[in-house]
Amino acid sequence: MKKEKDSDLVVLKEYYSDAEAYIDKGVLETNGIPCAINNEIMSSVYPITVTSLGSIRLLVFYRDLDAAKLLLNL
């Protein structure tokens, strides 16, 4: 099993709506947690899919994972 490094990007949460993903991204960034959205193009191409192919992923650094979970109540 791989042990994550502090600088590794990890998936915090998956979304099927880009609006929800960007709201949470804004909350994290406002509170000083850098993050990125991954796979937003696939979700716009296949907007009704519920598979992992169409999900949008919110990524954070492993070192920020616990703080991000607290902020988003995960």
PDB file of N, CA and C in Angstrom:
ATOM      1  N   MET A   1       0.836  -1.181   0.000  1.00  0.00           N
ATOM      2  CA  MET A   1       0.000   0.000   0.000  1.00  0.00           C
ATOM      3  C   MET A   1       0.882   1.246   0.000  1.00  0.00           C
ATOM      4  N   LYS A   2       0.537   2.187  -0.846  1.00  0.00           N
ATOM      5  CA  LYS A   2       1.337   3.407  -0.984  1.00  0.00           C
ATOM      6  C   LYS A   2       1.091   4.353   0.179  1.00  0.00           C
ATOM      7  N   LYS A   3       2.148   4.886   0.722  1.00  0.00           N
ATOM      8  CA  LYS A   3       2.032   5.891   1.770  1.00  0.00           C
ATOM      9  C   LYS A   3       2.128   7.263   1.106  1.00  0.00           C
ATOM     10  N   GLU A   4       1.099   8.085   1.322  1.00  0.00           N
ATOM     11  CA  GLU A   4       1.079   9.406   0.709  1.00  0.00           C
ATOM     12  C   GLU A   4       2.117  10.332   1.337  1.00  0.00           C
ATOM     13  N   LYS A   5       2.650  11.207   0.500  1.00  0.00           N
ATOM     14  CA  LYS A   5       3.538  12.266   0.956  1.00  0.00           C
ATOM     15  C   LYS A   5       2.694  13.525   1.119  1.00  0.00           C
ATOM     16  N   ASP A   6       3.173  14.460   1.919  1.00  0.00           N
ATOM     17  CA  ASP A   6       2.430  15.709   2.136  1.00  0.00           C
ATOM     18  C   ASP A   6       2.136  16.446   0.844  1.00  0.00           C
ATOM     19  N   SER A   7       3.016  16.310  -0.146  1.00  0.00           N
ATOM     20  CA  SER A   7       2.852  17.053  -1.397  1.00  0.00           C
ATOM     21  C   SER A   7       2.037  16.297  -2.447  1.00  0.00           C
ATOM     22  N   ASP A   8       1.546  15.108  -2.124  1.00  0.00           N
ATOM     23  CA  ASP A   8       0.711  14.352  -3.066  1.00  0.00           C
ATOM     24  C   ASP A   8      -0.687  14.955  -3.134  1.00  0.00           C
ATOM     25  N   LEU A   9      -1.258  14.968  -4.335  1.00  0.00           N
ATOM     26  CA  LEU A   9      -2.647  15.378  -4.486  1.00  0.00           C
ATOM     27  C   LEU A   9      -3.540  14.169  -4.252  1.00  0.00           C
ATOM     28  N   VAL A  10      -4.585  14.374  -3.466  1.00  0.00           N
ATOM     29  CA  VAL A  10      -5.541  13.311  -3.168  1.00  0.00           C
ATOM     30  C   VAL A  10      -6.950  13.820  -3.436  1.00  0.00           C
ATOM     31  N   VAL A  11      -7.856  12.904  -3.723  1.00  0.00           N
ATOM     32  CA  VAL A  11      -9.245  13.269  -3.981  1.00  0.00           C
ATOM     33  C   VAL A  11      -9.939  13.522  -2.647  1.00  0.00           C
ATOM     34  N   LEU A  12     -10.458  14.716  -2.497  1.00  0.00           N
ATOM     35  CA  LEU A  12     -11.211  15.066  -1.294  1.00  0.00           C
ATOM     36  C   LEU A  12     -12.668  14.641  -1.446  1.00  0.00           C
ATOM     37  N   LYS A  13     -13.237  14.935  -2.623  1.00  0.00           N
ATOM     38  CA  LYS A  13     -14.650  14.657  -2.849  1.00  0.00           C
ATOM     39  C   LYS A  13     -14.908  14.590  -4.341  1.00  0.00           C
ATOM     40  N   GLU A  14     -15.934  13.818  -4.730  1.00  0.00           N
ATOM     41  CA  GLU A  14     -16.341  13.753  -6.133  1.00  0.00           C
ATOM     42  C   GLU A  14     -17.723  14.368  -6.275  1.00  0.00           C
ATOM     43  N   TYR A  15     -17.942  15.019  -7.412  1.00  0.00           N
ATOM     44  CA  TYR A  15     -19.194  15.733  -7.687  1.00  0.00           C
ATOM     45  C   TYR A  15     -19.713  15.341  -9.059  1.00  0.00           C
ATOM     46  N   TYR A  16     -20.983  15.563  -9.261  1.00  0.00           N
ATOM     47  CA  TYR A  16     -21.581  15.392 -10.580  1.00  0.00           C
ATOM     48  C   TYR A  16     -22.082  16.724 -11.111  1.00  0.00           C
ATOM     49  N   SER A  17     -21.867  17.783 -10.345  1.00  0.00           N
ATOM     50  CA  SER A  17     -22.226  19.140 -10.751  1.00  0.00           C
ATOM     51  C   SER A  17     -20.999  20.033 -10.590  1.00  0.00           C
ATOM     52  N   ASP A  18     -20.608  20.708 -11.660  1.00  0.00           N
ATOM     53  CA  ASP A  18     -19.447  21.582 -11.548  1.00  0.00           C
ATOM     54  C   ASP A  18     -19.723  22.760 -10.629  1.00  0.00           C
ATOM     55  N   ALA A  19     -20.981  23.202 -10.523  1.00  0.00           N
ATOM     56  CA  ALA A  19     -21.322  24.315  -9.636  1.00  0.00           C
ATOM     57  C   ALA A  19     -21.011  23.955  -8.185  1.00  0.00           C
ATOM     58  N   GLU A  20     -21.399  22.765  -7.749  1.00  0.00           N
ATOM     59  CA  GLU A  20     -21.117  22.330  -6.377  1.00  0.00           C
ATOM     60  C   GLU A  20     -19.614  22.240  -6.129  1.00  0.00           C
ATOM     61  N   ALA A  21     -18.898  21.724  -7.105  1.00  0.00           N
ATOM     62  CA  ALA A  21     -17.446  21.594  -6.962  1.00  0.00           C
ATOM     63  C   ALA A  21     -16.789  22.964  -6.803  1.00  0.00           C
ATOM     64  N   TYR A  22     -17.227  23.927  -7.596  1.00  0.00           N
ATOM     65  CA  TYR A  22     -16.630  25.262  -7.523  1.00  0.00           C
ATOM     66  C   TYR A  22     -17.007  25.994  -6.236  1.00  0.00           C
ATOM     67  N   ILE A  23     -18.171  25.717  -5.691  1.00  0.00           N
ATOM     68  CA  ILE A  23     -18.542  26.322  -4.397  1.00  0.00           C
ATOM     69  C   ILE A  23     -17.598  25.822  -3.314  1.00  0.00           C
ATOM     70  N   ASP A  24     -17.404  24.506  -3.247  1.00  0.00           N
ATOM     71  CA  ASP A  24     -16.498  23.943  -2.244  1.00  0.00           C
ATOM     72  C   ASP A  24     -15.061  24.392  -2.474  1.00  0.00           C
ATOM     73  N   LYS A  25     -14.659  24.504  -3.728  1.00  0.00           N
ATOM     74  CA  LYS A  25     -13.309  24.993  -4.053  1.00  0.00           C
ATOM     75  C   LYS A  25     -13.124  26.407  -3.504  1.00  0.00           C
ATOM     76  N   GLY A  26     -14.146  27.241  -3.671  1.00  0.00           N
ATOM     77  CA  GLY A  26     -14.085  28.606  -3.153  1.00  0.00           C
ATOM     78  C   GLY A  26     -13.977  28.648  -1.641  1.00  0.00           C
ATOM     79  N   VAL A  27     -14.717  27.774  -0.961  1.00  0.00           N
ATOM     80  CA  VAL A  27     -14.651  27.706   0.505  1.00  0.00           C
ATOM     81  C   VAL A  27     -13.239  27.338   0.950  1.00  0.00           C
ATOM     82  N   LEU A  28     -12.667  26.335   0.317  1.00  0.00           N
ATOM     83  CA  LEU A  28     -11.319  25.910   0.691  1.00  0.00           C
ATOM     84  C   LEU A  28     -10.289  27.001   0.429  1.00  0.00           C
ATOM     85  N   GLU A  29     -10.333  27.598  -0.749  1.00  0.00           N
ATOM     86  CA  GLU A  29      -9.343  28.622  -1.097  1.00  0.00           C
ATOM     87  C   GLU A  29      -9.480  29.862  -0.211  1.00  0.00           C
ATOM     88  N   THR A  30     -10.701  30.218   0.151  1.00  0.00           N
ATOM     89  CA  THR A  30     -10.921  31.357   1.043  1.00  0.00           C
ATOM     90  C   THR A  30     -10.281  31.109   2.408  1.00  0.00           C
ATOM     91  N   ASN A  31     -10.211  29.852   2.789  1.00  0.00           N
ATOM     92  CA  ASN A  31      -9.626  29.482   4.068  1.00  0.00           C
ATOM     93  C   ASN A  31      -8.170  29.037   3.949  1.00  0.00           C
ATOM     94  N   GLY A  32      -7.535  29.359   2.841  1.00  0.00           N
ATOM     95  CA  GLY A  32      -6.103  29.133   2.685  1.00  0.00           C
ATOM     96  C   GLY A  32      -5.691  27.722   2.303  1.00  0.00           C
ATOM     97  N   ILE A  33      -6.636  26.928   1.810  1.00  0.00           N
ATOM     98  CA  ILE A  33      -6.297  25.566   1.397  1.00  0.00           C
ATOM     99  C   ILE A  33      -6.275  25.505  -0.131  1.00  0.00           C
ATOM    100  N   PRO A  34      -5.089  25.353  -0.718  1.00  0.00           N
ATOM    101  CA  PRO A  34      -5.010  25.259  -2.173  1.00  0.00           C
ATOM    102  C   PRO A  34      -5.667  23.965  -2.655  1.00  0.00           C
ATOM    103  N   CYS A  35      -6.352  24.048  -3.774  1.00  0.00           N
ATOM    104  CA  CYS A  35      -7.024  22.868  -4.310  1.00  0.00           C
ATOM    105  C   CYS A  35      -7.170  23.012  -5.823  1.00  0.00           C
ATOM    106  N   ALA A  36      -7.576  21.934  -6.457  1.00  0.00           N
ATOM    107  CA  ALA A  36      -7.743  21.923  -7.908  1.00  0.00           C
ATOM    108  C   ALA A  36      -8.944  21.058  -8.248  1.00  0.00           C
ATOM    109  N   ILE A  37      -9.554  21.362  -9.374  1.00  0.00           N
ATOM    110  CA  ILE A  37     -10.655  20.561  -9.883  1.00  0.00           C
ATOM    111  C   ILE A  37     -10.141  19.768 -11.067  1.00  0.00           C
ATOM    112  N   ASN A  38     -10.473  18.479 -11.076  1.00  0.00           N
ATOM    113  CA  ASN A  38     -10.014  17.561 -12.112  1.00  0.00           C
ATOM    114  C   ASN A  38     -11.220  16.948 -12.800  1.00  0.00           C
ATOM    115  N   ASN A  39     -11.146  16.751 -14.101  1.00  0.00           N
ATOM    116  CA  ASN A  39     -12.150  16.039 -14.885  1.00  0.00           C
ATOM    117  C   ASN A  39     -13.407  16.852 -15.165  1.00  0.00           C
ATOM    118  N   GLU A  40     -13.319  18.180 -15.116  1.00  0.00           N
ATOM    119  CA  GLU A  40     -14.513  18.978 -15.384  1.00  0.00           C
ATOM    120  C   GLU A  40     -14.939  18.910 -16.849  1.00  0.00           C
ATOM    121  N   ILE A  41     -14.025  18.648 -17.759  1.00  0.00           N
ATOM    122  CA  ILE A  41     -14.390  18.561 -19.176  1.00  0.00           C
ATOM    123  C   ILE A  41     -15.256  17.337 -19.430  1.00  0.00           C
ATOM    124  N   MET A  42     -14.892  16.191 -18.851  1.00  0.00           N
ATOM    125  CA  MET A  42     -15.684  14.982 -19.048  1.00  0.00           C
ATOM    126  C   MET A  42     -17.104  15.150 -18.520  1.00  0.00           C
ATOM    127  N   SER A  43     -17.268  15.860 -17.411  1.00  0.00           N
ATOM    128  CA  SER A  43     -18.610  16.011 -16.853  1.00  0.00           C
ATOM    129  C   SER A  43     -19.469  16.911 -17.727  1.00  0.00           C
ATOM    130  N   SER A  44     -18.857  17.830 -18.465  1.00  0.00           N
ATOM    131  CA  SER A  44     -19.652  18.665 -19.352  1.00  0.00           C
ATOM    132  C   SER A  44     -19.978  17.941 -20.658  1.00  0.00           C
ATOM    133  N   VAL A  45     -19.133  17.001 -21.045  1.00  0.00           N
ATOM    134  CA  VAL A  45     -19.401  16.211 -22.244  1.00  0.00           C
ATOM    135  C   VAL A  45     -20.491  15.179 -21.968  1.00  0.00           C
ATOM    136  N   TYR A  46     -20.435  14.561 -20.798  1.00  0.00           N
ATOM    137  CA  TYR A  46     -21.414  13.551 -20.388  1.00  0.00           C
ATOM    138  C   TYR A  46     -22.129  14.019 -19.120  1.00  0.00           C
ATOM    139  N   PRO A  47     -22.984  15.048 -19.211  1.00  0.00           N
ATOM    140  CA  PRO A  47     -23.538  15.652 -17.998  1.00  0.00           C
ATOM    141  C   PRO A  47     -24.490  14.769 -17.200  1.00  0.00           C
ATOM    142  N   ILE A  48     -25.061  13.730 -17.806  1.00  0.00           N
ATOM    143  CA  ILE A  48     -26.023  12.929 -17.052  1.00  0.00           C
ATOM    144  C   ILE A  48     -25.437  11.634 -16.522  1.00  0.00           C
ATOM    145  N   THR A  49     -24.230  11.350 -16.819  1.00  0.00           N
ATOM    146  CA  THR A  49     -23.657  10.088 -16.378  1.00  0.00           C
ATOM    147  C   THR A  49     -23.417  10.087 -14.872  1.00  0.00           C
ATOM    148  N   VAL A  50     -23.522   8.928 -14.280  1.00  0.00           N
ATOM    149  CA  VAL A  50     -23.266   8.804 -12.847  1.00  0.00           C
ATOM    150  C   VAL A  50     -22.094   7.858 -12.591  1.00  0.00           C
ATOM    151  N   THR A  51     -21.282   7.655 -13.599  1.00  0.00           N
ATOM    152  CA  THR A  51     -20.107   6.809 -13.430  1.00  0.00           C
ATOM    153  C   THR A  51     -18.915   7.666 -13.043  1.00  0.00           C
ATOM    154  N   SER A  52     -17.834   7.016 -12.689  1.00  0.00           N
ATOM    155  CA  SER A  52     -16.629   7.764 -12.328  1.00  0.00           C
ATOM    156  C   SER A  52     -16.061   8.515 -13.521  1.00  0.00           C
ATOM    157  N   LEU A  53     -16.448   8.106 -14.735  1.00  0.00           N
ATOM    158  CA  LEU A  53     -15.990   8.794 -15.941  1.00  0.00           C
ATOM    159  C   LEU A  53     -16.497  10.234 -15.965  1.00  0.00           C
ATOM    160  N   GLY A  54     -17.690  10.468 -15.449  1.00  0.00           N
ATOM    161  CA  GLY A  54     -18.287  11.791 -15.527  1.00  0.00           C
ATOM    162  C   GLY A  54     -18.172  12.607 -14.268  1.00  0.00           C
ATOM    163  N   SER A  55     -17.535  12.085 -13.241  1.00  0.00           N
ATOM    164  CA  SER A  55     -17.460  12.836 -11.992  1.00  0.00           C
ATOM    165  C   SER A  55     -16.361  13.885 -12.050  1.00  0.00           C
ATOM    166  N   ILE A  56     -16.570  14.913 -11.269  1.00  0.00           N
ATOM    167  CA  ILE A  56     -15.579  15.976 -11.113  1.00  0.00           C
ATOM    168  C   ILE A  56     -14.922  15.752  -9.761  1.00  0.00           C
ATOM    169  N   ARG A  57     -13.631  15.803  -9.716  1.00  0.00           N
ATOM    170  CA  ARG A  57     -12.909  15.545  -8.467  1.00  0.00           C
ATOM    171  C   ARG A  57     -12.287  16.825  -7.934  1.00  0.00           C
ATOM    172  N   LEU A  58     -12.475  17.041  -6.645  1.00  0.00           N
ATOM    173  CA  LEU A  58     -11.822  18.141  -5.954  1.00  0.00           C
ATOM    174  C   LEU A  58     -10.585  17.570  -5.274  1.00  0.00           C
ATOM    175  N   LEU A  59      -9.427  18.080  -5.654  1.00  0.00           N
ATOM    176  CA  LEU A  59      -8.144  17.572  -5.169  1.00  0.00           C
ATOM    177  C   LEU A  59      -7.511  18.552  -4.195  1.00  0.00           C
ATOM    178  N   VAL A  60      -6.907  18.010  -3.151  1.00  0.00           N
ATOM    179  CA  VAL A  60      -6.143  18.814  -2.196  1.00  0.00           C
ATOM    180  C   VAL A  60      -4.821  18.102  -1.937  1.00  0.00           C
ATOM    181  N   PHE A  61      -3.888  18.831  -1.371  1.00  0.00           N
ATOM    182  CA  PHE A  61      -2.643  18.197  -0.948  1.00  0.00           C
ATOM    183  C   PHE A  61      -2.941  17.319   0.263  1.00  0.00           C
ATOM    184  N   TYR A  62      -2.236  16.205   0.350  1.00  0.00           N
ATOM    185  CA  TYR A  62      -2.439  15.276   1.455  1.00  0.00           C
ATOM    186  C   TYR A  62      -2.290  15.980   2.803  1.00  0.00           C
ATOM    187  N   ARG A  63      -1.354  16.912   2.879  1.00  0.00           N
ATOM    188  CA  ARG A  63      -1.123  17.625   4.144  1.00  0.00           C
ATOM    189  C   ARG A  63      -2.333  18.451   4.576  1.00  0.00           C
ATOM    190  N   ASP A  64      -3.211  18.827   3.621  1.00  0.00           N
ATOM    191  CA  ASP A  64      -4.383  19.652   3.923  1.00  0.00           C
ATOM    192  C   ASP A  64      -5.676  18.847   4.021  1.00  0.00           C
ATOM    193  N   LEU A  65      -5.588  17.540   3.870  1.00  0.00           N
ATOM    194  CA  LEU A  65      -6.779  16.703   3.786  1.00  0.00           C
ATOM    195  C   LEU A  65      -7.673  16.817   5.024  1.00  0.00           C
ATOM    196  N   ASP A  66      -7.120  16.705   6.201  1.00  0.00           N
ATOM    197  CA  ASP A  66      -7.936  16.762   7.418  1.00  0.00           C
ATOM    198  C   ASP A  66      -8.596  18.121   7.591  1.00  0.00           C
ATOM    199  N   ALA A  67      -7.867  19.197   7.350  1.00  0.00           N
ATOM    200  CA  ALA A  67      -8.447  20.530   7.480  1.00  0.00           C
ATOM    201  C   ALA A  67      -9.557  20.764   6.455  1.00  0.00           C
ATOM    202  N   ALA A  68      -9.348  20.264   5.243  1.00  0.00           N
ATOM    203  CA  ALA A  68     -10.356  20.408   4.184  1.00  0.00           C
ATOM    204  C   ALA A  68     -11.628  19.640   4.546  1.00  0.00           C
ATOM    205  N   LYS A  69     -11.464  18.448   5.088  1.00  0.00           N
ATOM    206  CA  LYS A  69     -12.629  17.653   5.511  1.00  0.00           C
ATOM    207  C   LYS A  69     -13.411  18.373   6.600  1.00  0.00           C
ATOM    208  N   LEU A  70     -12.701  18.980   7.532  1.00  0.00           N
ATOM    209  CA  LEU A  70     -13.373  19.729   8.587  1.00  0.00           C
ATOM    210  C   LEU A  70     -14.158  20.904   8.036  1.00  0.00           C
ATOM    211  N   LEU A  71     -13.544  21.647   7.124  1.00  0.00           N
ATOM    212  CA  LEU A  71     -14.222  22.818   6.541  1.00  0.00           C
ATOM    213  C   LEU A  71     -15.480  22.439   5.770  1.00  0.00           C
ATOM    214  N   LEU A  72     -15.445  21.312   5.079  1.00  0.00           N
ATOM    215  CA  LEU A  72     -16.592  20.902   4.273  1.00  0.00           C
ATOM    216  C   LEU A  72     -17.489  19.911   4.995  1.00  0.00           C
ATOM    217  N   ASN A  73     -17.228  19.689   6.270  1.00  0.00           N
ATOM    218  CA  ASN A  73     -18.024  18.762   7.089  1.00  0.00           C
ATOM    219  C   ASN A  73     -18.118  17.372   6.482  1.00  0.00           C
ATOM    220  N   LEU A  74     -16.985  16.821   6.071  1.00  0.00           N
ATOM    221  CA  LEU A  74     -16.955  15.473   5.482  1.00  0.00           C
ATOM    222  C   LEU A  74     -16.550  14.443   6.521  1.00  0.00           C
TER     223      LEU A  74
END
